[in-house]
């Protein structure tokens, strides 16, 4: 799975479970939350801050307005970082993003970086120039050091989100373990009885982060997941379709092909259909959204 699709998986599960994410990652902020008002996701309203450049905040990043008991608001910047090698520019990017928010809104801002890779994170940006010293420290959460038993016993939905990310690191390229871990999380999810839309967002995240759509995953595992995902609600179907279409358009732009802009073309529709099949959608659902003949969709298998 490409990093862009992983970014989107994180973005959607965070956006659908904001309060739970705040409680899990920043309990001190949760303690001061005004729960009579909902947190407001600002990322889509702030394109200059939440853009897609790798040198700025990418699609995995969220900016959340958190209402506090004092009657004021707090800006919370959440960044998901998939580092498997040290990035010397990352601390400066965290500082730049934090500064932009502070400068624009003139209200308190806190920043959190969620590290999903297998290296130790850096949590400080330090710069000194002829007596002027800048020492910026941001919050970090390191997936690889999370305790599996604590995550399994934690009733919050984001404990299972982190468990999935942790299990992907644990499994590495071992397809059998990835399948086993995915079913463990799926069974925990069934036991918890979360509200349906939130449960679906977690299912979608686990399915993609552990790459269960891979044809090399045990067929029994894929069958259980497909059975689970068949009754998926319309909101999550739309997420799949939107992401598949975005992927098709972006690929077309990168290749410089005019037909990449024409989503209605047969070639592009087939590419979208392949992505949707990988995501576990039924041929009937794919036919509805792409307009392809069912026979053509079945042939893609």
Protein backbone atom coordinates (compact mmCIF):
# COMPACT_ATOMS: atom_id res chain seq x y z
CA UNK A 1 0.00 0.00 0.00
CA UNK A 2 1.31 3.46 -0.89
CA UNK A 3 2.01 6.05 1.80
CA UNK A 4 -0.78 8.20 0.37
CA UNK A 5 -3.34 5.47 1.06
CA UNK A 6 -1.95 4.97 4.57
CA UNK A 7 -2.22 8.73 5.12
CA UNK A 8 -5.87 8.60 4.05
CA UNK A 9 -6.55 5.66 6.37
CA UNK A 10 -5.20 7.62 9.33
CA UNK A 11 -7.01 10.79 8.32
CA UNK A 12 -10.40 9.09 8.10
CA UNK A 13 -10.15 7.16 11.36
CA UNK A 14 -8.99 10.29 13.21
CA UNK A 15 -11.70 12.47 11.66
CA UNK A 16 -14.44 9.98 12.56
CA UNK A 17 -13.25 9.56 16.18
CA UNK A 18 -11.93 12.97 17.23
CA UNK A 19 -13.03 12.92 20.87
CA UNK A 20 -11.74 9.39 21.37
CA UNK A 21 -8.40 10.34 19.79
CA UNK A 22 -8.07 13.39 22.04
CA UNK A 23 -8.84 11.25 25.11
CA UNK A 24 -6.31 8.60 24.06
CA UNK A 25 -3.38 10.78 23.01
CA UNK A 26 -3.86 13.88 25.18
CA UNK A 27 -5.79 13.11 28.40
CA UNK A 28 -4.82 16.49 29.87
CA UNK A 29 -6.65 18.22 27.01
CA UNK A 30 -9.63 15.85 27.42
CA UNK A 31 -9.83 16.80 31.13
CA UNK A 32 -10.42 20.43 30.14
CA UNK A 33 -12.83 19.69 27.26
CA UNK A 34 -16.25 21.31 27.16
CA UNK A 35 -18.32 18.28 26.14
CA UNK A 36 -21.43 20.37 25.50
CA UNK A 37 -19.75 21.43 22.22
CA UNK A 38 -18.24 19.16 19.60
CA UNK A 39 -14.64 19.54 18.41
CA UNK A 40 -14.48 21.07 14.95
CA UNK A 41 -12.28 19.58 12.23
CA UNK A 42 -10.63 22.56 10.52
CA UNK A 43 -8.24 20.79 8.12
CA UNK A 44 -10.58 21.05 5.15
CA UNK A 45 -11.21 24.72 5.94
CA UNK A 46 -7.50 25.57 6.10
CA UNK A 47 -5.92 24.44 2.81
CA UNK A 48 -2.81 26.55 3.40
CA UNK A 49 -2.10 24.56 6.56
CA UNK A 50 -3.47 21.13 5.64
CA UNK A 51 -2.09 20.90 2.09
CA UNK A 52 -0.64 17.84 0.40
CA UNK A 53 3.03 18.83 0.13
CA UNK A 54 5.47 16.49 1.83
CA UNK A 55 7.19 19.58 3.18
CA UNK A 56 4.02 20.85 4.78
CA UNK A 57 1.15 19.07 6.46
CA UNK A 58 -0.08 16.16 4.35
CA UNK A 59 -3.50 14.57 4.09
CA UNK A 60 -2.91 12.53 7.24
CA UNK A 61 -2.69 15.73 9.28
CA UNK A 62 -5.62 17.25 11.10
CA UNK A 63 -6.19 20.61 12.69
CA UNK A 64 -8.91 20.42 15.33
CA UNK A 65 -10.62 23.21 17.24
CA UNK A 66 -11.21 21.88 20.76
CA UNK A 67 -13.73 23.76 22.96
CA UNK A 68 -12.55 24.16 26.56
CA UNK A 69 -14.40 24.60 29.86
CA UNK A 70 -12.99 28.14 30.09
CA UNK A 71 -15.15 29.14 27.11
CA UNK A 72 -12.13 29.45 24.85
CA UNK A 73 -10.91 27.16 22.08
CA UNK A 74 -7.66 25.28 21.61
CA UNK A 75 -6.12 24.39 18.27
CA UNK A 76 -4.76 20.84 18.19
CA UNK A 77 -2.50 19.92 15.28
CA UNK A 78 -2.24 16.14 14.76
CA UNK A 79 0.49 14.81 12.48
CA UNK A 80 0.97 11.15 11.53
CA UNK A 81 4.61 10.43 10.63
CA UNK A 82 5.60 7.17 8.93
CA UNK A 83 9.35 7.39 9.49
CA UNK A 84 11.58 4.39 8.93
CA UNK A 85 14.69 6.57 8.64
CA UNK A 86 15.56 9.78 10.46
CA UNK A 87 14.26 12.91 8.76
CA UNK A 88 16.36 15.87 9.88
CA UNK A 89 13.79 18.34 8.53
CA UNK A 90 10.81 16.93 10.40
CA UNK A 91 11.25 18.97 13.65
CA UNK A 92 11.48 22.22 11.65
CA UNK A 93 8.29 21.29 9.75
CA UNK A 94 6.51 20.69 13.05
CA UNK A 95 7.62 24.11 14.25
CA UNK A 96 6.58 25.81 11.01
CA UNK A 97 3.12 24.23 11.12
CA UNK A 98 2.69 25.18 14.77
CA UNK A 99 3.79 28.75 14.10
CA UNK A 100 1.39 29.15 11.16
CA UNK A 101 -1.55 28.10 13.32
CA UNK A 102 -0.48 30.35 16.20
CA UNK A 103 0.06 33.31 13.91
CA UNK A 104 -3.26 32.87 12.11
CA UNK A 105 -5.55 32.27 15.09
CA UNK A 106 -3.86 34.02 18.00
CA UNK A 107 -5.15 31.39 20.41
CA UNK A 108 -3.40 28.51 22.25
CA UNK A 109 -2.05 25.78 19.96
CA UNK A 110 -0.66 22.36 20.87
CA UNK A 111 0.95 19.92 18.44
CA UNK A 112 1.19 16.13 18.49
CA UNK A 113 3.22 13.86 16.19
CA UNK A 114 2.17 10.20 16.03
CA UNK A 115 5.16 8.11 14.96
CA UNK A 116 4.17 4.85 13.27
CA UNK A 117 7.62 3.73 12.10
CA UNK A 118 10.36 1.71 13.75
CA UNK A 119 12.77 4.49 14.77
CA UNK A 120 12.95 6.65 17.90
CA UNK A 121 11.18 9.98 17.37
CA UNK A 122 12.64 13.46 17.80
CA UNK A 123 10.44 15.77 19.88
CA UNK A 124 12.42 19.05 19.86
CA UNK A 125 13.30 21.67 17.28
CA UNK A 126 16.31 23.72 18.37
CA UNK A 127 17.86 26.64 16.55
CA UNK A 128 20.43 29.19 17.69
CA UNK A 129 21.71 32.21 15.79
CA UNK A 130 24.03 34.80 17.39
CA UNK A 131 22.34 34.83 20.76
CA UNK A 132 18.80 34.21 19.51
CA UNK A 133 17.67 30.79 20.70
CA UNK A 134 14.57 28.90 19.63
CA UNK A 135 13.70 25.74 21.58
CA UNK A 136 10.37 24.24 20.44
CA UNK A 137 9.11 21.00 22.02
CA UNK A 138 6.05 19.15 20.73
CA UNK A 139 4.11 16.13 21.98
CA UNK A 140 4.95 12.72 20.52
CA UNK A 141 3.34 9.28 20.60
CA UNK A 142 5.42 6.29 19.54
CA UNK A 143 3.40 3.33 18.23
CA UNK A 144 6.24 0.79 18.43
CA UNK A 145 6.61 1.19 22.23
CA UNK A 146 2.88 0.78 22.97
CA UNK A 147 2.01 -2.14 25.27
CA UNK A 148 -0.13 -4.75 23.47
CA UNK A 149 -1.88 -6.03 26.63
CA UNK A 150 -2.83 -2.50 27.67
CA UNK A 151 -4.18 -1.76 24.19
CA UNK A 152 -6.23 -4.97 24.15
CA UNK A 153 -7.83 -4.14 27.52
CA UNK A 154 -8.42 -0.44 26.80
CA UNK A 155 -12.12 0.12 25.89
CA UNK A 156 -11.44 3.21 23.76
CA UNK A 157 -11.69 2.71 20.02
CA UNK A 158 -8.33 4.37 19.44
CA UNK A 159 -6.62 1.65 21.45
CA UNK A 160 -7.56 -0.72 18.62
CA UNK A 161 -6.38 1.80 16.02
CA UNK A 162 -2.95 1.86 17.66
CA UNK A 163 -3.03 -1.92 18.12
CA UNK A 164 -3.47 -2.33 14.36
CA UNK A 165 -0.55 0.01 13.63
CA UNK A 166 1.57 -1.78 16.25
CA UNK A 167 0.70 -5.21 14.80
CA UNK A 168 1.71 -4.06 11.31
CA UNK A 169 5.16 -3.23 12.69
CA UNK A 170 5.30 -6.54 14.60
CA UNK A 171 4.32 -8.59 11.55
CA UNK A 172 6.53 -6.84 9.02
CA UNK A 173 6.40 -8.91 5.84
CA UNK A 174 4.93 -12.01 7.53
CA UNK A 175 1.56 -12.39 5.77
CA UNK A 176 0.35 -15.14 8.10
CA UNK A 177 0.88 -12.96 11.17
CA UNK A 178 -0.80 -9.99 9.51
CA UNK A 179 -3.87 -12.13 8.86
CA UNK A 180 -3.91 -13.50 12.42
CA UNK A 181 -3.52 -10.05 13.94
CA UNK A 182 -6.30 -8.62 11.78
CA UNK A 183 -8.76 -11.28 12.97
CA UNK A 184 -7.78 -10.72 16.61
CA UNK A 185 -8.63 -7.03 16.24
CA UNK A 186 -11.82 -7.80 14.30
CA UNK A 187 -13.02 -10.10 17.09
CA UNK A 188 -12.23 -7.46 19.75
CA UNK A 189 -14.18 -4.93 17.70
CA UNK A 190 -17.21 -7.22 17.53
CA UNK A 191 -17.16 -7.65 21.32
CA UNK A 192 -17.02 -3.91 22.05
CA UNK A 193 -20.30 -2.87 20.44
CA UNK A 194 -19.15 0.53 19.19
CA UNK A 195 -21.60 2.80 17.34
CA UNK A 196 -21.86 1.49 13.76
CA UNK A 197 -20.29 4.35 11.83
CA UNK A 198 -17.29 4.50 14.16
CA UNK A 199 -16.92 0.72 14.06
CA UNK A 200 -16.92 0.85 10.26
CA UNK A 201 -14.20 3.50 10.25
CA UNK A 202 -12.06 1.22 12.43
CA UNK A 203 -12.76 -1.84 10.24
CA UNK A 204 -11.72 0.11 7.17
CA UNK A 205 -8.53 1.29 8.92
CA UNK A 206 -7.50 -2.20 10.12
CA UNK A 207 -8.27 -3.75 6.73
CA UNK A 208 -6.00 -1.26 4.97
CA UNK A 209 -3.21 -0.78 7.52
CA UNK A 210 -2.65 -4.57 7.72
CA UNK A 211 -3.15 -4.81 3.93
CA UNK A 212 -5.72 -7.61 4.08
CA UNK A 213 -6.66 -6.96 0.45
CA UNK A 214 -3.32 -8.48 -0.60
CA UNK A 215 -4.02 -11.58 -2.73
CA UNK A 216 -1.27 -13.42 -0.86
CA UNK A 217 -3.12 -13.18 2.47
CA UNK A 218 -4.75 -16.47 3.54
CA UNK A 219 -8.05 -16.88 1.68
CA UNK A 220 -9.87 -17.81 4.93
CA UNK A 221 -8.81 -14.50 6.47
CA UNK A 222 -9.89 -12.55 3.41
CA UNK A 223 -13.22 -14.40 3.33
CA UNK A 224 -13.98 -13.49 6.95
CA UNK A 225 -13.14 -9.86 6.26
CA UNK A 226 -15.24 -9.81 3.09
CA UNK A 227 -18.20 -11.24 5.00
CA UNK A 228 -17.73 -8.51 7.61
CA UNK A 229 -17.45 -5.73 5.05
CA UNK A 230 -20.42 -6.75 2.83
CA UNK A 231 -23.03 -4.80 4.89
CA UNK A 232 -20.82 -1.69 4.90
CA UNK A 233 -22.87 1.52 5.12
CA UNK A 234 -23.18 4.15 2.39
CA UNK A 235 -20.82 6.62 4.09
CA UNK A 236 -17.93 4.20 4.04
CA UNK A 237 -18.75 3.14 0.46
CA UNK A 238 -18.41 6.78 -0.52
CA UNK A 239 -15.00 6.95 1.14
CA UNK A 240 -13.80 3.99 -0.94
CA UNK A 241 -15.15 5.49 -4.14
CA UNK A 242 -13.74 8.96 -3.40
CA UNK A 243 -10.30 7.58 -2.64
CA UNK A 244 -10.28 5.37 -5.73
CA UNK A 245 -11.26 8.30 -7.94
CA UNK A 246 -8.65 10.58 -6.32
CA UNK A 247 -6.00 7.93 -6.87
CA UNK A 248 -6.99 7.62 -10.52
CA UNK A 249 -6.93 11.38 -11.11
CA UNK A 250 -3.59 11.79 -9.35
CA UNK A 251 -2.02 8.93 -11.31
CA UNK A 252 -3.28 10.54 -14.52
CA UNK A 253 -1.75 13.89 -13.59
CA UNK A 254 1.57 12.31 -12.68
CA UNK A 255 1.76 10.46 -15.99
CA UNK A 256 0.74 13.58 -17.87
CA UNK A 257 -2.00 11.71 -19.71
CA UNK A 258 -5.04 13.63 -20.80
CA UNK A 259 -7.25 10.59 -20.29
CA UNK A 260 -6.32 10.62 -16.59
CA UNK A 261 -8.61 13.62 -16.21
CA UNK A 262 -11.54 11.75 -17.75
CA UNK A 263 -12.79 9.52 -14.95
CA UNK A 264 -15.61 8.32 -17.22
CA UNK A 265 -13.20 6.58 -19.59
CA UNK A 266 -13.24 2.79 -19.63
CA UNK A 267 -9.54 2.58 -18.76
CA UNK A 268 -9.91 4.80 -15.72
CA UNK A 269 -13.11 3.05 -14.64
CA UNK A 270 -11.27 -0.28 -14.74
CA UNK A 271 -8.49 1.11 -12.56
CA UNK A 272 -11.10 2.38 -10.08
CA UNK A 273 -12.83 -1.01 -10.14
CA UNK A 274 -9.55 -2.81 -9.35
CA UNK A 275 -9.01 -0.57 -6.33
CA UNK A 276 -12.54 -1.19 -5.13
CA UNK A 277 -12.15 -4.96 -5.53
CA UNK A 278 -8.96 -4.75 -3.45
CA UNK A 279 -10.96 -2.90 -0.82
CA UNK A 280 -13.47 -5.75 -0.62
CA UNK A 281 -16.50 -4.14 -2.29
CA UNK A 282 -18.96 -6.43 -4.05
CA UNK A 283 -19.23 -6.50 -7.89
CA UNK A 284 -22.76 -5.10 -7.57
CA UNK A 285 -21.54 -2.06 -5.61
CA UNK A 286 -18.68 -1.51 -8.07
CA UNK A 287 -21.09 -1.70 -11.00
CA UNK A 288 -23.28 0.94 -9.34
CA UNK A 289 -20.43 3.43 -8.91
CA UNK A 290 -18.42 2.83 -12.11
CA UNK A 291 -21.07 1.90 -14.66
CA UNK A 292 -19.01 -1.06 -15.88
CA UNK A 293 -20.65 -4.31 -16.95
CA UNK A 294 -20.64 -6.93 -14.21
CA UNK A 295 -18.85 -9.36 -16.54
CA UNK A 296 -15.94 -6.92 -16.93
CA UNK A 297 -15.73 -6.47 -13.17
CA UNK A 298 -15.70 -10.23 -12.55
CA UNK A 299 -12.96 -10.62 -15.17
CA UNK A 300 -10.72 -8.32 -13.12
CA UNK A 301 -10.61 -10.95 -10.37
